[in-house]
PDB file of N, CA and C in Angstrom:
ATOM      1  N   MET A   1      66.821  60.953 -77.621  1.00  0.00           N
ATOM      2  CA  MET A   1      65.611  60.163 -77.480  1.00  0.00           C
ATOM      3  C   MET A   1      64.422  61.120 -77.381  1.00  0.00           C
ATOM      4  N   THR A   2      63.471  60.984 -78.307  1.00  0.00           N
ATOM      5  CA  THR A   2      62.315  61.884 -78.318  1.00  0.00           C
ATOM      6  C   THR A   2      61.019  61.171 -77.946  1.00  0.00           C
ATOM      7  N   GLU A   3      60.968  59.847 -78.116  1.00  0.00           N
ATOM      8  CA  GLU A   3      59.767  59.079 -77.771  1.00  0.00           C
ATOM      9  C   GLU A   3      60.162  57.768 -77.112  1.00  0.00           C
ATOM     10  N   GLN A   4      59.234  57.219 -76.302  1.00  0.00           N
ATOM     11  CA  GLN A   4      59.476  55.952 -75.609  1.00  0.00           C
ATOM     12  C   GLN A   4      58.139  55.274 -75.346  1.00  0.00           C
ATOM     13  N   ARG A   5      58.146  53.941 -75.351  1.00  0.00           N
ATOM     14  CA  ARG A   5      56.928  53.183 -75.066  1.00  0.00           C
ATOM     15  C   ARG A   5      56.449  53.484 -73.642  1.00  0.00           C
ATOM     16  N   ILE A   6      55.132  53.502 -73.450  1.00  0.00           N
ATOM     17  CA  ILE A   6      54.576  53.796 -72.124  1.00  0.00           C
ATOM     18  C   ILE A   6      55.017  52.756 -71.107  1.00  0.00           C
ATOM     19  N   ASP A   7      54.949  51.468 -71.451  1.00  0.00           N
ATOM     20  CA  ASP A   7      55.302  50.441 -70.469  1.00  0.00           C
ATOM     21  C   ASP A   7      56.767  50.552 -70.043  1.00  0.00           C
ATOM     22  N   LYS A   8      57.639  50.853 -70.971  1.00  0.00           N
ATOM     23  CA  LYS A   8      59.048  50.992 -70.618  1.00  0.00           C
ATOM     24  C   LYS A   8      59.271  52.226 -69.751  1.00  0.00           C
ATOM     25  N   TRP A   9      58.600  53.336 -70.066  1.00  0.00           N
ATOM     26  CA  TRP A   9      58.762  54.545 -69.269  1.00  0.00           C
ATOM     27  C   TRP A   9      58.273  54.336 -67.840  1.00  0.00           C
ATOM     28  N   LEU A  10      57.140  53.637 -67.670  1.00  0.00           N
ATOM     29  CA  LEU A  10      56.611  53.372 -66.330  1.00  0.00           C
ATOM     30  C   LEU A  10      57.592  52.538 -65.513  1.00  0.00           C
ATOM     31  N   TRP A  11      58.286  51.610 -66.177  1.00  0.00           N
ATOM     32  CA  TRP A  11      59.287  50.790 -65.499  1.00  0.00           C
ATOM     33  C   TRP A  11      60.517  51.629 -65.160  1.00  0.00           C
ATOM     34  N   VAL A  12      60.983  52.441 -66.115  1.00  0.00           N
ATOM     35  CA  VAL A  12      62.163  53.279 -65.902  1.00  0.00           C
ATOM     36  C   VAL A  12      61.896  54.312 -64.807  1.00  0.00           C
ATOM     37  N   ALA A  13      60.682  54.862 -64.761  1.00  0.00           N
ATOM     38  CA  ALA A  13      60.328  55.872 -63.765  1.00  0.00           C
ATOM     39  C   ALA A  13      59.981  55.258 -62.409  1.00  0.00           C
ATOM     40  N   ARG A  14      60.053  53.934 -62.312  1.00  0.00           N
ATOM     41  CA  ARG A  14      59.886  53.179 -61.064  1.00  0.00           C
ATOM     42  C   ARG A  14      58.470  53.214 -60.488  1.00  0.00           C
ATOM     43  N   PHE A  15      57.471  53.244 -61.359  1.00  0.00           N
ATOM     44  CA  PHE A  15      56.099  53.088 -60.898  1.00  0.00           C
ATOM     45  C   PHE A  15      55.759  51.610 -60.743  1.00  0.00           C
ATOM     46  N   PHE A  16      56.436  50.750 -61.508  1.00  0.00           N
ATOM     47  CA  PHE A  16      56.235  49.299 -61.446  1.00  0.00           C
ATOM     48  C   PHE A  16      57.587  48.608 -61.383  1.00  0.00           C
ATOM     49  N   LYS A  17      57.627  47.444 -60.718  1.00  0.00           N
ATOM     50  CA  LYS A  17      58.887  46.726 -60.538  1.00  0.00           C
ATOM     51  C   LYS A  17      59.406  46.085 -61.812  1.00  0.00           C
ATOM     52  N   THR A  18      58.514  45.653 -62.683  1.00  0.00           N
ATOM     53  CA  THR A  18      58.940  45.027 -63.932  1.00  0.00           C
ATOM     54  C   THR A  18      58.192  45.648 -65.097  1.00  0.00           C
ATOM     55  N   ARG A  19      58.769  45.486 -66.270  1.00  0.00           N
ATOM     56  CA  ARG A  19      58.128  46.024 -67.462  1.00  0.00           C
ATOM     57  C   ARG A  19      56.850  45.260 -67.782  1.00  0.00           C
ATOM     58  N   SER A  20      56.845  43.959 -67.495  1.00  0.00           N
ATOM     59  CA  SER A  20      55.624  43.179 -67.769  1.00  0.00           C
ATOM     60  C   SER A  20      54.484  43.609 -66.844  1.00  0.00           C
ATOM     61  N   LEU A  21      54.779  43.963 -65.593  1.00  0.00           N
ATOM     62  CA  LEU A  21      53.735  44.486 -64.696  1.00  0.00           C
ATOM     63  C   LEU A  21      53.198  45.812 -65.229  1.00  0.00           C
ATOM     64  N   ALA A  22      54.085  46.640 -65.763  1.00  0.00           N
ATOM     65  CA  ALA A  22      53.661  47.916 -66.343  1.00  0.00           C
ATOM     66  C   ALA A  22      52.771  47.687 -67.563  1.00  0.00           C
ATOM     67  N   ALA A  23      53.152  46.728 -68.418  1.00  0.00           N
ATOM     68  CA  ALA A  23      52.348  46.435 -69.608  1.00  0.00           C
ATOM     69  C   ALA A  23      50.983  45.885 -69.215  1.00  0.00           C
ATOM     70  N   THR A  24      50.940  45.042 -68.191  1.00  0.00           N
ATOM     71  CA  THR A  24      49.675  44.495 -67.711  1.00  0.00           C
ATOM     72  C   THR A  24      48.780  45.604 -67.164  1.00  0.00           C
ATOM     73  N   ALA A  25      49.367  46.551 -66.435  1.00  0.00           N
ATOM     74  CA  ALA A  25      48.591  47.672 -65.896  1.00  0.00           C
ATOM     75  C   ALA A  25      48.015  48.528 -67.029  1.00  0.00           C
ATOM     76  N   VAL A  26      48.806  48.772 -68.057  1.00  0.00           N
ATOM     77  CA  VAL A  26      48.316  49.576 -69.184  1.00  0.00           C
ATOM     78  C   VAL A  26      47.191  48.830 -69.904  1.00  0.00           C
ATOM     79  N   ASP A  27      47.385  47.525 -70.143  1.00  0.00           N
ATOM     80  CA  ASP A  27      46.337  46.718 -70.788  1.00  0.00           C
ATOM     81  C   ASP A  27      45.066  46.663 -69.948  1.00  0.00           C
ATOM     82  N   GLY A  28      45.223  46.649 -68.621  1.00  0.00           N
ATOM     83  CA  GLY A  28      44.082  46.556 -67.724  1.00  0.00           C
ATOM     84  C   GLY A  28      43.350  47.872 -67.514  1.00  0.00           C
ATOM     85  N   GLY A  29      43.805  48.941 -68.143  1.00  0.00           N
ATOM     86  CA  GLY A  29      43.115  50.221 -68.025  1.00  0.00           C
ATOM     87  C   GLY A  29      43.492  51.019 -66.800  1.00  0.00           C
ATOM     88  N   ARG A  30      44.570  50.634 -66.110  1.00  0.00           N
ATOM     89  CA  ARG A  30      44.984  51.367 -64.914  1.00  0.00           C
ATOM     90  C   ARG A  30      45.928  52.522 -65.220  1.00  0.00           C
ATOM     91  N   VAL A  31      46.250  52.702 -66.499  1.00  0.00           N
ATOM     92  CA  VAL A  31      47.083  53.830 -66.925  1.00  0.00           C
ATOM     93  C   VAL A  31      46.366  54.521 -68.081  1.00  0.00           C
ATOM     94  N   LYS A  32      46.164  55.820 -67.922  1.00  0.00           N
ATOM     95  CA  LYS A  32      45.518  56.597 -68.973  1.00  0.00           C
ATOM     96  C   LYS A  32      46.520  57.633 -69.493  1.00  0.00           C
ATOM     97  N   TRP A  33      46.543  57.790 -70.819  1.00  0.00           N
ATOM     98  CA  TRP A  33      47.445  58.723 -71.486  1.00  0.00           C
ATOM     99  C   TRP A  33      46.625  59.903 -71.981  1.00  0.00           C
ATOM    100  N   ASN A  34      46.905  61.084 -71.446  1.00  0.00           N
ATOM    101  CA  ASN A  34      46.162  62.305 -71.817  1.00  0.00           C
ATOM    102  C   ASN A  34      44.650  62.088 -71.725  1.00  0.00           C
ATOM    103  N   GLY A  35      44.208  61.352 -70.698  1.00  0.00           N
ATOM    104  CA  GLY A  35      42.786  61.112 -70.460  1.00  0.00           C
ATOM    105  C   GLY A  35      42.176  59.999 -71.275  1.00  0.00           C
ATOM    106  N   GLN A  36      42.973  59.292 -72.070  1.00  0.00           N
ATOM    107  CA  GLN A  36      42.450  58.228 -72.917  1.00  0.00           C
ATOM    108  C   GLN A  36      43.098  56.896 -72.567  1.00  0.00           C
ATOM    109  N   GLN A  37      42.399  55.816 -72.936  1.00  0.00           N
ATOM    110  CA  GLN A  37      42.987  54.485 -72.793  1.00  0.00           C
ATOM    111  C   GLN A  37      44.212  54.397 -73.688  1.00  0.00           C
ATOM    112  N   ALA A  38      45.197  53.634 -73.262  1.00  0.00           N
ATOM    113  CA  ALA A  38      46.408  53.485 -74.063  1.00  0.00           C
ATOM    114  C   ALA A  38      46.803  52.022 -74.128  1.00  0.00           C
ATOM    115  N   LYS A  39      47.659  51.715 -75.076  1.00  0.00           N
ATOM    116  CA  LYS A  39      48.239  50.384 -75.186  1.00  0.00           C
ATOM    117  C   LYS A  39      49.699  50.486 -74.757  1.00  0.00           C
ATOM    118  N   PRO A  40      50.303  49.363 -74.326  1.00  0.00           N
ATOM    119  CA  PRO A  40      51.689  49.424 -73.849  1.00  0.00           C
ATOM    120  C   PRO A  40      52.674  49.970 -74.875  1.00  0.00           C
ATOM    121  N   ALA A  41      52.425  49.770 -76.163  1.00  0.00           N
ATOM    122  CA  ALA A  41      53.357  50.215 -77.202  1.00  0.00           C
ATOM    123  C   ALA A  41      53.164  51.678 -77.580  1.00  0.00           C
ATOM    124  N   ARG A  42      52.214  52.358 -76.956  1.00  0.00           N
ATOM    125  CA  ARG A  42      51.954  53.768 -77.274  1.00  0.00           C
ATOM    126  C   ARG A  42      53.211  54.586 -77.012  1.00  0.00           C
ATOM    127  N   GLU A  43      53.559  55.437 -77.963  1.00  0.00           N
ATOM    128  CA  GLU A  43      54.753  56.269 -77.824  1.00  0.00           C
ATOM    129  C   GLU A  43      54.442  57.463 -76.920  1.00  0.00           C
ATOM    130  N   LEU A  44      55.336  57.704 -75.988  1.00  0.00           N
ATOM    131  CA  LEU A  44      55.193  58.748 -74.982  1.00  0.00           C
ATOM    132  C   LEU A  44      56.268  59.791 -75.248  1.00  0.00           C
ATOM    133  N   LYS A  45      55.947  61.054 -75.054  1.00  0.00           N
ATOM    134  CA  LYS A  45      56.952  62.100 -75.229  1.00  0.00           C
ATOM    135  C   LYS A  45      56.805  63.118 -74.103  1.00  0.00           C
ATOM    136  N   PRO A  46      57.826  63.924 -73.842  1.00  0.00           N
ATOM    137  CA  PRO A  46      57.737  64.927 -72.782  1.00  0.00           C
ATOM    138  C   PRO A  46      56.541  65.851 -72.997  1.00  0.00           C
ATOM    139  N   GLY A  47      55.847  66.139 -71.899  1.00  0.00           N
ATOM    140  CA  GLY A  47      54.659  66.977 -71.941  1.00  0.00           C
ATOM    141  C   GLY A  47      53.371  66.192 -71.853  1.00  0.00           C
ATOM    142  N   ASP A  48      53.426  64.874 -72.083  1.00  0.00           N
ATOM    143  CA  ASP A  48      52.225  64.043 -71.980  1.00  0.00           C
ATOM    144  C   ASP A  48      51.833  63.881 -70.520  1.00  0.00           C
ATOM    145  N   GLU A  49      50.531  63.719 -70.276  1.00  0.00           N
ATOM    146  CA  GLU A  49      50.022  63.528 -68.915  1.00  0.00           C
ATOM    147  C   GLU A  49      49.537  62.092 -68.751  1.00  0.00           C
ATOM    148  N   LEU A  50      49.915  61.474 -67.638  1.00  0.00           N
ATOM    149  CA  LEU A  50      49.511  60.102 -67.346  1.00  0.00           C
ATOM    150  C   LEU A  50      48.752  60.038 -66.035  1.00  0.00           C
ATOM    151  N   ASP A  51      47.668  59.264 -66.011  1.00  0.00           N
ATOM    152  CA  ASP A  51      46.960  58.917 -64.775  1.00  0.00           C
ATOM    153  C   ASP A  51      47.314  57.466 -64.493  1.00  0.00           C
ATOM    154  N   ILE A  52      47.964  57.211 -63.357  1.00  0.00           N
ATOM    155  CA  ILE A  52      48.485  55.884 -63.035  1.00  0.00           C
ATOM    156  C   ILE A  52      47.863  55.402 -61.735  1.00  0.00           C
ATOM    157  N   VAL A  53      47.320  54.184 -61.761  1.00  0.00           N
ATOM    158  CA  VAL A  53      46.817  53.543 -60.548  1.00  0.00           C
ATOM    159  C   VAL A  53      47.729  52.356 -60.270  1.00  0.00           C
ATOM    160  N   ALA A  54      48.502  52.454 -59.185  1.00  0.00           N
ATOM    161  CA  ALA A  54      49.431  51.392 -58.813  1.00  0.00           C
ATOM    162  C   ALA A  54      49.100  50.965 -57.384  1.00  0.00           C
ATOM    163  N   GLY A  55      48.454  49.809 -57.252  1.00  0.00           N
ATOM    164  CA  GLY A  55      48.023  49.358 -55.937  1.00  0.00           C
ATOM    165  C   GLY A  55      46.910  50.260 -55.432  1.00  0.00           C
ATOM    166  N   GLU A  56      47.085  50.822 -54.235  1.00  0.00           N
ATOM    167  CA  GLU A  56      46.091  51.724 -53.664  1.00  0.00           C
ATOM    168  C   GLU A  56      46.347  53.178 -54.060  1.00  0.00           C
ATOM    169  N   LEU A  57      47.504  53.449 -54.650  1.00  0.00           N
ATOM    170  CA  LEU A  57      47.885  54.816 -54.967  1.00  0.00           C
ATOM    171  C   LEU A  57      47.452  55.215 -56.372  1.00  0.00           C
ATOM    172  N   ARG A  58      47.080  56.474 -56.503  1.00  0.00           N
ATOM    173  CA  ARG A  58      46.714  57.024 -57.811  1.00  0.00           C
ATOM    174  C   ARG A  58      47.553  58.266 -58.050  1.00  0.00           C
ATOM    175  N   TRP A  59      48.277  58.275 -59.136  1.00  0.00           N
ATOM    176  CA  TRP A  59      49.166  59.370 -59.486  1.00  0.00           C
ATOM    177  C   TRP A  59      48.657  60.063 -60.745  1.00  0.00           C
ATOM    178  N   THR A  60      48.837  61.365 -60.828  1.00  0.00           N
ATOM    179  CA  THR A  60      48.654  62.116 -62.062  1.00  0.00           C
ATOM    180  C   THR A  60      49.962  62.865 -62.275  1.00  0.00           C
ATOM    181  N   VAL A  61      50.676  62.486 -63.336  1.00  0.00           N
ATOM    182  CA  VAL A  61      52.005  63.044 -63.568  1.00  0.00           C
ATOM    183  C   VAL A  61      52.118  63.585 -64.988  1.00  0.00           C
ATOM    184  N   VAL A  62      53.026  64.542 -65.138  1.00  0.00           N
ATOM    185  CA  VAL A  62      53.368  65.080 -66.446  1.00  0.00           C
ATOM    186  C   VAL A  62      54.779  64.600 -66.754  1.00  0.00           C
ATOM    187  N   VAL A  63      54.965  63.999 -67.908  1.00  0.00           N
ATOM    188  CA  VAL A  63      56.265  63.461 -68.308  1.00  0.00           C
ATOM    189  C   VAL A  63      57.206  64.631 -68.587  1.00  0.00           C
ATOM    190  N   ARG A  64      58.371  64.639 -67.935  1.00  0.00           N
ATOM    191  CA  ARG A  64      59.363  65.695 -68.118  1.00  0.00           C
ATOM    192  C   ARG A  64      60.602  65.203 -68.859  1.00  0.00           C
ATOM    193  N   GLY A  65      60.845  63.887 -68.838  1.00  0.00           N
ATOM    194  CA  GLY A  65      62.021  63.373 -69.504  1.00  0.00           C
ATOM    195  C   GLY A  65      61.885  61.899 -69.824  1.00  0.00           C
ATOM    196  N   LEU A  66      62.792  61.412 -70.665  1.00  0.00           N
ATOM    197  CA  LEU A  66      62.833  60.008 -71.059  1.00  0.00           C
ATOM    198  C   LEU A  66      64.222  59.472 -70.756  1.00  0.00           C
ATOM    199  N   ASN A  67      64.307  58.188 -70.499  1.00  0.00           N
ATOM    200  CA  ASN A  67      65.588  57.552 -70.248  1.00  0.00           C
ATOM    201  C   ASN A  67      65.504  56.119 -70.752  1.00  0.00           C
ATOM    202  N   SER A  68      66.564  55.637 -71.335  1.00  0.00           N
ATOM    203  CA  SER A  68      66.529  54.276 -71.879  1.00  0.00           C
ATOM    204  C   SER A  68      66.858  53.225 -70.836  1.00  0.00           C
ATOM    205  N   GLN A  69      67.455  53.633 -69.712  1.00  0.00           N
ATOM    206  CA  GLN A  69      67.830  52.677 -68.672  1.00  0.00           C
ATOM    207  C   GLN A  69      67.144  53.019 -67.358  1.00  0.00           C
ATOM    208  N   ARG A  70      66.906  51.983 -66.564  1.00  0.00           N
ATOM    209  CA  ARG A  70      66.330  52.171 -65.230  1.00  0.00           C
ATOM    210  C   ARG A  70      67.440  52.646 -64.308  1.00  0.00           C
ATOM    211  N   ARG A  71      67.242  53.771 -63.669  1.00  0.00           N
ATOM    212  CA  ARG A  71      68.253  54.384 -62.816  1.00  0.00           C
ATOM    213  C   ARG A  71      67.746  54.414 -61.374  1.00  0.00           C
ATOM    214  N   PRO A  72      68.573  54.830 -60.409  1.00  0.00           N
ATOM    215  CA  PRO A  72      68.124  54.928 -59.011  1.00  0.00           C
ATOM    216  C   PRO A  72      66.916  55.860 -58.858  1.00  0.00           C
ATOM    217  N   ALA A  73      66.182  55.660 -57.776  1.00  0.00           N
ATOM    218  CA  ALA A  73      64.937  56.402 -57.545  1.00  0.00           C
ATOM    219  C   ALA A  73      65.104  57.926 -57.600  1.00  0.00           C
ATOM    220  N   PRO A  74      66.149  58.512 -56.996  1.00  0.00           N
ATOM    221  CA  PRO A  74      66.267  59.980 -57.094  1.00  0.00           C
ATOM    222  C   PRO A  74      66.378  60.471 -58.545  1.00  0.00           C
ATOM    223  N   GLU A  75      67.051  59.709 -59.386  1.00  0.00           N
ATOM    224  CA  GLU A  75      67.146  60.088 -60.800  1.00  0.00           C
ATOM    225  C   GLU A  75      65.828  59.832 -61.520  1.00  0.00           C
ATOM    226  N   ALA A  76      65.118  58.782 -61.138  1.00  0.00           N
ATOM    227  CA  ALA A  76      63.838  58.455 -61.779  1.00  0.00           C
ATOM    228  C   ALA A  76      62.800  59.531 -61.495  1.00  0.00           C
ATOM    229  N   ARG A  77      62.849  60.154 -60.322  1.00  0.00           N
ATOM    230  CA  ARG A  77      61.886  61.204 -59.983  1.00  0.00           C
ATOM    231  C   ARG A  77      62.031  62.441 -60.866  1.00  0.00           C
ATOM    232  N   LEU A  78      63.181  62.595 -61.501  1.00  0.00           N
ATOM    233  CA  LEU A  78      63.393  63.737 -62.391  1.00  0.00           C
ATOM    234  C   LEU A  78      62.692  63.560 -63.731  1.00  0.00           C
ATOM    235  N   LEU A  79      62.198  62.350 -64.018  1.00  0.00           N
ATOM    236  CA  LEU A  79      61.551  62.066 -65.289  1.00  0.00           C
ATOM    237  C   LEU A  79      60.096  62.536 -65.333  1.00  0.00           C
ATOM    238  N   TYR A  80      59.521  62.901 -64.186  1.00  0.00           N
ATOM    239  CA  TYR A  80      58.119  63.312 -64.144  1.00  0.00           C
ATOM    240  C   TYR A  80      57.910  64.395 -63.103  1.00  0.00           C
ATOM    241  N   GLU A  81      56.774  65.055 -63.229  1.00  0.00           N
ATOM    242  CA  GLU A  81      56.351  66.054 -62.251  1.00  0.00           C
ATOM    243  C   GLU A  81      54.921  65.732 -61.861  1.00  0.00           C
ATOM    244  N   GLU A  82      54.698  65.524 -60.582  1.00  0.00           N
ATOM    245  CA  GLU A  82      53.349  65.199 -60.105  1.00  0.00           C
ATOM    246  C   GLU A  82      52.536  66.475 -59.982  1.00  0.00           C
ATOM    247  N   THR A  83      51.267  66.411 -60.384  1.00  0.00           N
ATOM    248  CA  THR A  83      50.400  67.588 -60.291  1.00  0.00           C
ATOM    249  C   THR A  83      50.068  67.878 -58.826  1.00  0.00           C
ATOM    250  N   ALA A  84      49.702  69.119 -58.544  1.00  0.00           N
ATOM    251  CA  ALA A  84      49.419  69.547 -57.166  1.00  0.00           C
ATOM    252  C   ALA A  84      48.228  68.791 -56.581  1.00  0.00           C
ATOM    253  N   GLU A  85      47.166  68.604 -57.380  1.00  0.00           N
ATOM    254  CA  GLU A  85      45.984  67.916 -56.858  1.00  0.00           C
ATOM    255  C   GLU A  85      46.280  66.435 -56.597  1.00  0.00           C
ATOM    256  N   SER A  86      47.133  65.835 -57.410  1.00  0.00           N
ATOM    257  CA  SER A  86      47.512  64.443 -57.207  1.00  0.00           C
ATOM    258  C   SER A  86      48.300  64.291 -55.902  1.00  0.00           C
ATOM    259  N   LEU A  87      49.218  65.217 -55.658  1.00  0.00           N
ATOM    260  CA  LEU A  87      50.015  65.177 -54.431  1.00  0.00           C
ATOM    261  C   LEU A  87      49.122  65.349 -53.206  1.00  0.00           C
ATOM    262  N   ALA A  88      48.175  66.289 -53.258  1.00  0.00           N
ATOM    263  CA  ALA A  88      47.252  66.511 -52.143  1.00  0.00           C
ATOM    264  C   ALA A  88      46.389  65.278 -51.905  1.00  0.00           C
ATOM    265  N   ARG A  89      45.908  64.639 -52.982  1.00  0.00           N
ATOM    266  CA  ARG A  89      45.081  63.435 -52.861  1.00  0.00           C
ATOM    267  C   ARG A  89      45.869  62.292 -52.214  1.00  0.00           C
ATOM    268  N   ARG A  90      47.127  62.099 -52.637  1.00  0.00           N
ATOM    269  CA  ARG A  90      47.937  61.023 -52.058  1.00  0.00           C
ATOM    270  C   ARG A  90      48.230  61.282 -50.577  1.00  0.00           C
ATOM    271  N   GLN A  91      48.461  62.540 -50.203  1.00  0.00           N
ATOM    272  CA  GLN A  91      48.716  62.864 -48.802  1.00  0.00           C
ATOM    273  C   GLN A  91      47.477  62.614 -47.949  1.00  0.00           C
ATOM    274  N   ARG A  92      46.279  62.944 -48.474  1.00  0.00           N
ATOM    275  CA  ARG A  92      45.033  62.658 -47.739  1.00  0.00           C
ATOM    276  C   ARG A  92      44.868  61.154 -47.534  1.00  0.00           C
ATOM    277  N   GLN A  93      45.122  60.380 -48.592  1.00  0.00           N
ATOM    278  CA  GLN A  93      45.000  58.921 -48.483  1.00  0.00           C
ATOM    279  C   GLN A  93      45.979  58.369 -47.456  1.00  0.00           C
ATOM    280  N   GLU A  94      47.185  58.917 -47.410  1.00  0.00           N
ATOM    281  CA  GLU A  94      48.182  58.450 -46.453  1.00  0.00           C
ATOM    282  C   GLU A  94      47.749  58.758 -45.024  1.00  0.00           C
ATOM    283  N   GLU A  95      47.186  59.945 -44.797  1.00  0.00           N
ATOM    284  CA  GLU A  95      46.692  60.294 -43.464  1.00  0.00           C
ATOM    285  C   GLU A  95      45.571  59.355 -43.028  1.00  0.00           C
ATOM    286  N   ILE A  96      44.657  59.049 -43.950  1.00  0.00           N
ATOM    287  CA  ILE A  96      43.551  58.140 -43.639  1.00  0.00           C
ATOM    288  C   ILE A  96      44.088  56.759 -43.279  1.00  0.00           C
ATOM    289  N   ARG A  97      45.093  56.280 -44.032  1.00  0.00           N
ATOM    290  CA  ARG A  97      45.677  54.963 -43.741  1.00  0.00           C
ATOM    291  C   ARG A  97      46.347  54.940 -42.380  1.00  0.00           C
ATOM    292  N   LYS A  98      46.977  56.061 -41.990  1.00  0.00           N
ATOM    293  CA  LYS A  98      47.639  56.110 -40.685  1.00  0.00           C
ATOM    294  C   LYS A  98      46.616  56.116 -39.552  1.00  0.00           C
ATOM    295  N   LEU A  99      45.516  56.852 -39.736  1.00  0.00           N
ATOM    296  CA  LEU A  99      44.502  56.969 -38.696  1.00  0.00           C
ATOM    297  C   LEU A  99      43.658  55.704 -38.552  1.00  0.00           C
ATOM    298  N   ALA A 100      43.376  55.041 -39.656  1.00  0.00           N
ATOM    299  CA  ALA A 100      42.550  53.826 -39.633  1.00  0.00           C
ATOM    300  C   ALA A 100      43.239  52.737 -40.449  1.00  0.00           C
ATOM    301  N   PRO A 101      44.241  52.074 -39.858  1.00  0.00           N
ATOM    302  CA  PRO A 101      44.951  51.048 -40.624  1.00  0.00           C
ATOM    303  C   PRO A 101      44.052  49.855 -40.933  1.00  0.00           C
ATOM    304  N   MET A 102      44.386  49.160 -41.992  1.00  0.00           N
ATOM    305  CA  MET A 102      43.648  47.968 -42.387  1.00  0.00           C
ATOM    306  C   MET A 102      43.774  46.903 -41.293  1.00  0.00           C
ATOM    307  N   PRO A 103      42.705  46.170 -40.988  1.00  0.00           N
ATOM    308  CA  PRO A 103      42.802  45.114 -39.995  1.00  0.00           C
ATOM    309  C   PRO A 103      43.805  44.057 -40.435  1.00  0.00           C
ATOM    310  N   GLY A 104      44.686  43.686 -39.540  1.00  0.00           N
ATOM    311  CA  GLY A 104      45.678  42.659 -39.835  1.00  0.00           C
ATOM    312  C   GLY A 104      46.898  43.185 -40.556  1.00  0.00           C
ATOM    313  N   ALA A 105      47.014  44.513 -40.724  1.00  0.00           N
ATOM    314  CA  ALA A 105      48.156  45.078 -41.437  1.00  0.00           C
ATOM    315  C   ALA A 105      49.456  44.869 -40.674  1.00  0.00           C
ATOM    316  N   ASN A 106      49.355  44.729 -39.351  1.00  0.00           N
ATOM    317  CA  ASN A 106      50.563  44.549 -38.554  1.00  0.00           C
ATOM    318  C   ASN A 106      50.977  43.080 -38.433  1.00  0.00           C
ATOM    319  N   LEU A 107      50.188  42.157 -38.976  1.00  0.00           N
ATOM    320  CA  LEU A 107      50.528  40.743 -38.912  1.00  0.00           C
ATOM    321  C   LEU A 107      51.543  40.412 -39.993  1.00  0.00           C
ATOM    322  N   LYS A 108      52.590  39.707 -39.608  1.00  0.00           N
ATOM    323  CA  LYS A 108      53.619  39.334 -40.558  1.00  0.00           C
ATOM    324  C   LYS A 108      53.859  37.828 -40.470  1.00  0.00           C
ATOM    325  N   GLY A 109      53.980  37.172 -41.601  1.00  0.00           N
ATOM    326  CA  GLY A 109      54.349  35.764 -41.631  1.00  0.00           C
ATOM    327  C   GLY A 109      53.229  34.832 -41.204  1.00  0.00           C
ATOM    328  N   ARG A 110      53.636  33.618 -40.928  1.00  0.00           N
ATOM    329  CA  ARG A 110      52.676  32.583 -40.542  1.00  0.00           C
ATOM    330  C   ARG A 110      52.299  32.717 -39.072  1.00  0.00           C
ATOM    331  N   PRO A 111      51.102  32.248 -38.699  1.00  0.00           N
ATOM    332  CA  PRO A 111      50.714  32.304 -37.289  1.00  0.00           C
ATOM    333  C   PRO A 111      51.521  31.291 -36.466  1.00  0.00           C
ATOM    334  N   THR A 112      51.705  31.612 -35.188  1.00  0.00           N
ATOM    335  CA  THR A 112      52.383  30.683 -34.281  1.00  0.00           C
ATOM    336  C   THR A 112      51.440  29.521 -33.974  1.00  0.00           C
ATOM    337  N   LYS A 113      51.953  28.493 -33.285  1.00  0.00           N
ATOM    338  CA  LYS A 113      51.102  27.354 -32.930  1.00  0.00           C
ATOM    339  C   LYS A 113      49.931  27.809 -32.060  1.00  0.00           C
ATOM    340  N   LYS A 114      50.230  28.682 -31.094  1.00  0.00           N
ATOM    341  CA  LYS A 114      49.177  29.171 -30.208  1.00  0.00           C
ATOM    342  C   LYS A 114      48.114  29.942 -31.005  1.00  0.00           C
ATOM    343  N   ALA A 115      48.550  30.812 -31.906  1.00  0.00           N
ATOM    344  CA  ALA A 115      47.606  31.569 -32.711  1.00  0.00           C
ATOM    345  C   ALA A 115      46.789  30.648 -33.613  1.00  0.00           C
ATOM    346  N   GLY A 116      47.416  29.596 -34.136  1.00  0.00           N
ATOM    347  CA  GLY A 116      46.710  28.629 -34.970  1.00  0.00           C
ATOM    348  C   GLY A 116      45.611  27.918 -34.199  1.00  0.00           C
ATOM    349  N   ARG A 117      45.900  27.527 -32.938  1.00  0.00           N
ATOM    350  CA  ARG A 117      44.879  26.887 -32.105  1.00  0.00           C
ATOM    351  C   ARG A 117      43.727  27.859 -31.836  1.00  0.00           C
ATOM    352  N   GLN A 118      44.036  29.111 -31.585  1.00  0.00           N
ATOM    353  CA  GLN A 118      42.993  30.103 -31.353  1.00  0.00           C
ATOM    354  C   GLN A 118      42.133  30.298 -32.604  1.00  0.00           C
ATOM    355  N   ILE A 119      42.764  30.323 -33.755  1.00  0.00           N
ATOM    356  CA  ILE A 119      42.021  30.477 -35.020  1.00  0.00           C
ATOM    357  C   ILE A 119      41.097  29.294 -35.230  1.00  0.00           C
ATOM    358  N   ARG A 120      41.626  28.081 -35.037  1.00  0.00           N
ATOM    359  CA  ARG A 120      40.798  26.870 -35.224  1.00  0.00           C
ATOM    360  C   ARG A 120      39.674  26.848 -34.195  1.00  0.00           C
ATOM    361  N   GLY A 121      39.941  27.271 -32.971  1.00  0.00           N
ATOM    362  CA  GLY A 121      38.904  27.311 -31.954  1.00  0.00           C
ATOM    363  C   GLY A 121      37.826  28.330 -32.267  1.00  0.00           C
ATOM    364  N   PHE A 122      38.210  29.423 -32.850  1.00  0.00           N
ATOM    365  CA  PHE A 122      37.254  30.452 -33.228  1.00  0.00           C
ATOM    366  C   PHE A 122      36.374  29.984 -34.387  1.00  0.00           C
ATOM    367  N   ASN A 123      36.948  29.271 -35.328  1.00  0.00           N
ATOM    368  CA  ASN A 123      36.203  28.802 -36.503  1.00  0.00           C
ATOM    369  C   ASN A 123      35.304  27.631 -36.198  1.00  0.00           C
ATOM    370  N   GLU A 124      35.581  26.876 -35.151  1.00  0.00           N
ATOM    371  CA  GLU A 124      34.774  25.684 -34.849  1.00  0.00           C
ATOM    372  C   GLU A 124      33.630  25.984 -33.927  1.00  0.00           C
TER     373      GLU A 124
END
């Protein structure tokens, strides 16, 4: 295998949960190929550089390998190499998130009855 579609590679490398999410990200301009806009069907080969924005994270990776099947995460990490500046940027963002978490990040699920009454009382 010498070439692979960008959307399929992003799915195989586990940057996105589904191939359609990867294709949507590429169409939306959140994935750049060698500094340029790309389409999901663009052929990717080892040595190409990708800028990927997935959620709050931004990755800059160099493609090192291709695979036709989605494999476990440790094997998927062998398909790319993250640049040093990208790794440093992600670590800074992680530190900032730990020091100043988003409000309500610790809330899970629906509010209890008591919390619901407090919310309604606050809004009224």
